[in-house]
Amino acid sequence: MVLCEAIIVMAHKLDLKVVAEGVETLEQCELLKSAGCDYGQGYLFSKPLPEHAFNIYLTQQPRLITTIAHPES
């Protein structure tokens, strides 16, 4: 976690946004949110999708692309 926090701080100091890859659990998501991570992707949000299914997913889940957020239950 310390390494993740350091990477997030460094990126923010460089005016960069941070994407956490491989987020699989709500606990991971919460830890990353508390560390200041900007975005997340992984199986917590969705399995890999073909382009047409991804476009549909984006229209149904717009808040998930703006910040790390809880998936719809």
Protein backbone atom coordinates (compact mmCIF):
# COMPACT_ATOMS: atom_id res chain seq x y z
CA MET A 1 0.00 0.00 0.00
CA VAL A 2 2.88 2.35 0.77
CA LEU A 3 4.23 1.83 -2.74
CA CYS A 4 0.81 2.53 -4.28
CA GLU A 5 0.47 5.73 -2.25
CA ALA A 6 3.94 6.88 -3.30
CA ILE A 7 3.18 6.29 -6.98
CA ILE A 8 -0.11 8.17 -6.68
CA VAL A 9 1.56 11.14 -4.96
CA MET A 10 4.38 11.24 -7.55
CA ALA A 11 1.90 11.15 -10.43
CA HIS A 12 -0.20 13.91 -8.91
CA LYS A 13 2.92 16.07 -8.35
CA LEU A 14 3.57 15.66 -12.09
CA ASP A 15 -0.04 16.68 -12.80
CA LEU A 16 -0.94 13.18 -14.00
CA LYS A 17 -4.05 11.10 -13.33
CA VAL A 18 -3.62 7.58 -11.95
CA VAL A 19 -5.36 4.43 -13.20
CA ALA A 20 -5.26 1.35 -10.96
CA GLU A 21 -5.44 -1.82 -13.02
CA GLY A 22 -6.65 -5.19 -11.80
CA VAL A 23 -9.08 -3.94 -9.15
CA GLU A 24 -11.00 -7.05 -8.10
CA THR A 25 -12.47 -6.37 -4.65
CA LEU A 26 -14.34 -3.57 -2.89
CA GLU A 27 -11.56 -3.53 -0.29
CA GLN A 28 -8.96 -2.82 -2.98
CA CYS A 29 -11.21 -0.14 -4.44
CA GLU A 30 -11.68 1.56 -1.07
CA LEU A 31 -7.95 1.48 -0.31
CA LEU A 32 -7.15 3.03 -3.68
CA LYS A 33 -9.82 5.69 -3.23
CA SER A 34 -8.46 6.57 0.20
CA ALA A 35 -4.95 6.84 -1.30
CA GLY A 36 -6.23 9.35 -3.87
CA CYS A 37 -6.28 7.14 -6.96
CA ASP A 38 -8.22 8.77 -9.80
CA TYR A 39 -9.48 5.84 -11.87
CA GLY A 40 -9.71 2.07 -11.66
CA GLN A 41 -10.36 -0.86 -13.89
CA GLY A 42 -10.70 -4.55 -13.31
CA TYR A 43 -13.10 -7.41 -12.73
CA LEU A 44 -14.80 -5.52 -9.87
CA PHE A 45 -16.32 -3.27 -12.52
CA SER A 46 -16.59 -5.59 -15.52
CA LYS A 47 -15.03 -8.54 -17.28
CA PRO A 48 -13.24 -7.75 -20.58
CA LEU A 49 -15.80 -6.79 -23.23
CA PRO A 50 -15.82 -6.58 -27.03
CA GLU A 51 -16.13 -3.04 -28.38
CA HIS A 52 -19.90 -3.05 -28.98
CA ALA A 53 -20.63 -4.41 -25.49
CA PHE A 54 -18.18 -1.92 -23.95
CA ASN A 55 -20.00 0.98 -25.61
CA ILE A 56 -23.31 -0.24 -24.19
CA TYR A 57 -21.70 -0.67 -20.77
CA LEU A 58 -20.42 2.92 -20.84
CA THR A 59 -23.87 4.32 -21.51
CA GLN A 60 -25.29 2.28 -18.61
CA GLN A 61 -22.45 3.01 -16.13
CA PRO A 62 -21.23 6.57 -16.88
CA ARG A 63 -20.12 7.28 -13.31
CA LEU A 64 -17.63 4.40 -13.39
CA ILE A 65 -15.55 6.14 -16.03
CA THR A 66 -15.23 9.40 -14.11
CA THR A 67 -13.83 8.09 -10.84
CA ILE A 68 -13.21 4.94 -8.87
CA ALA A 69 -16.68 4.11 -7.62
CA HIS A 70 -18.67 1.24 -6.22
CA PRO A 71 -20.10 -0.98 -8.94
CA GLU A 72 -23.86 -1.20 -9.18
CA SER A 73 -25.18 -3.93 -6.90
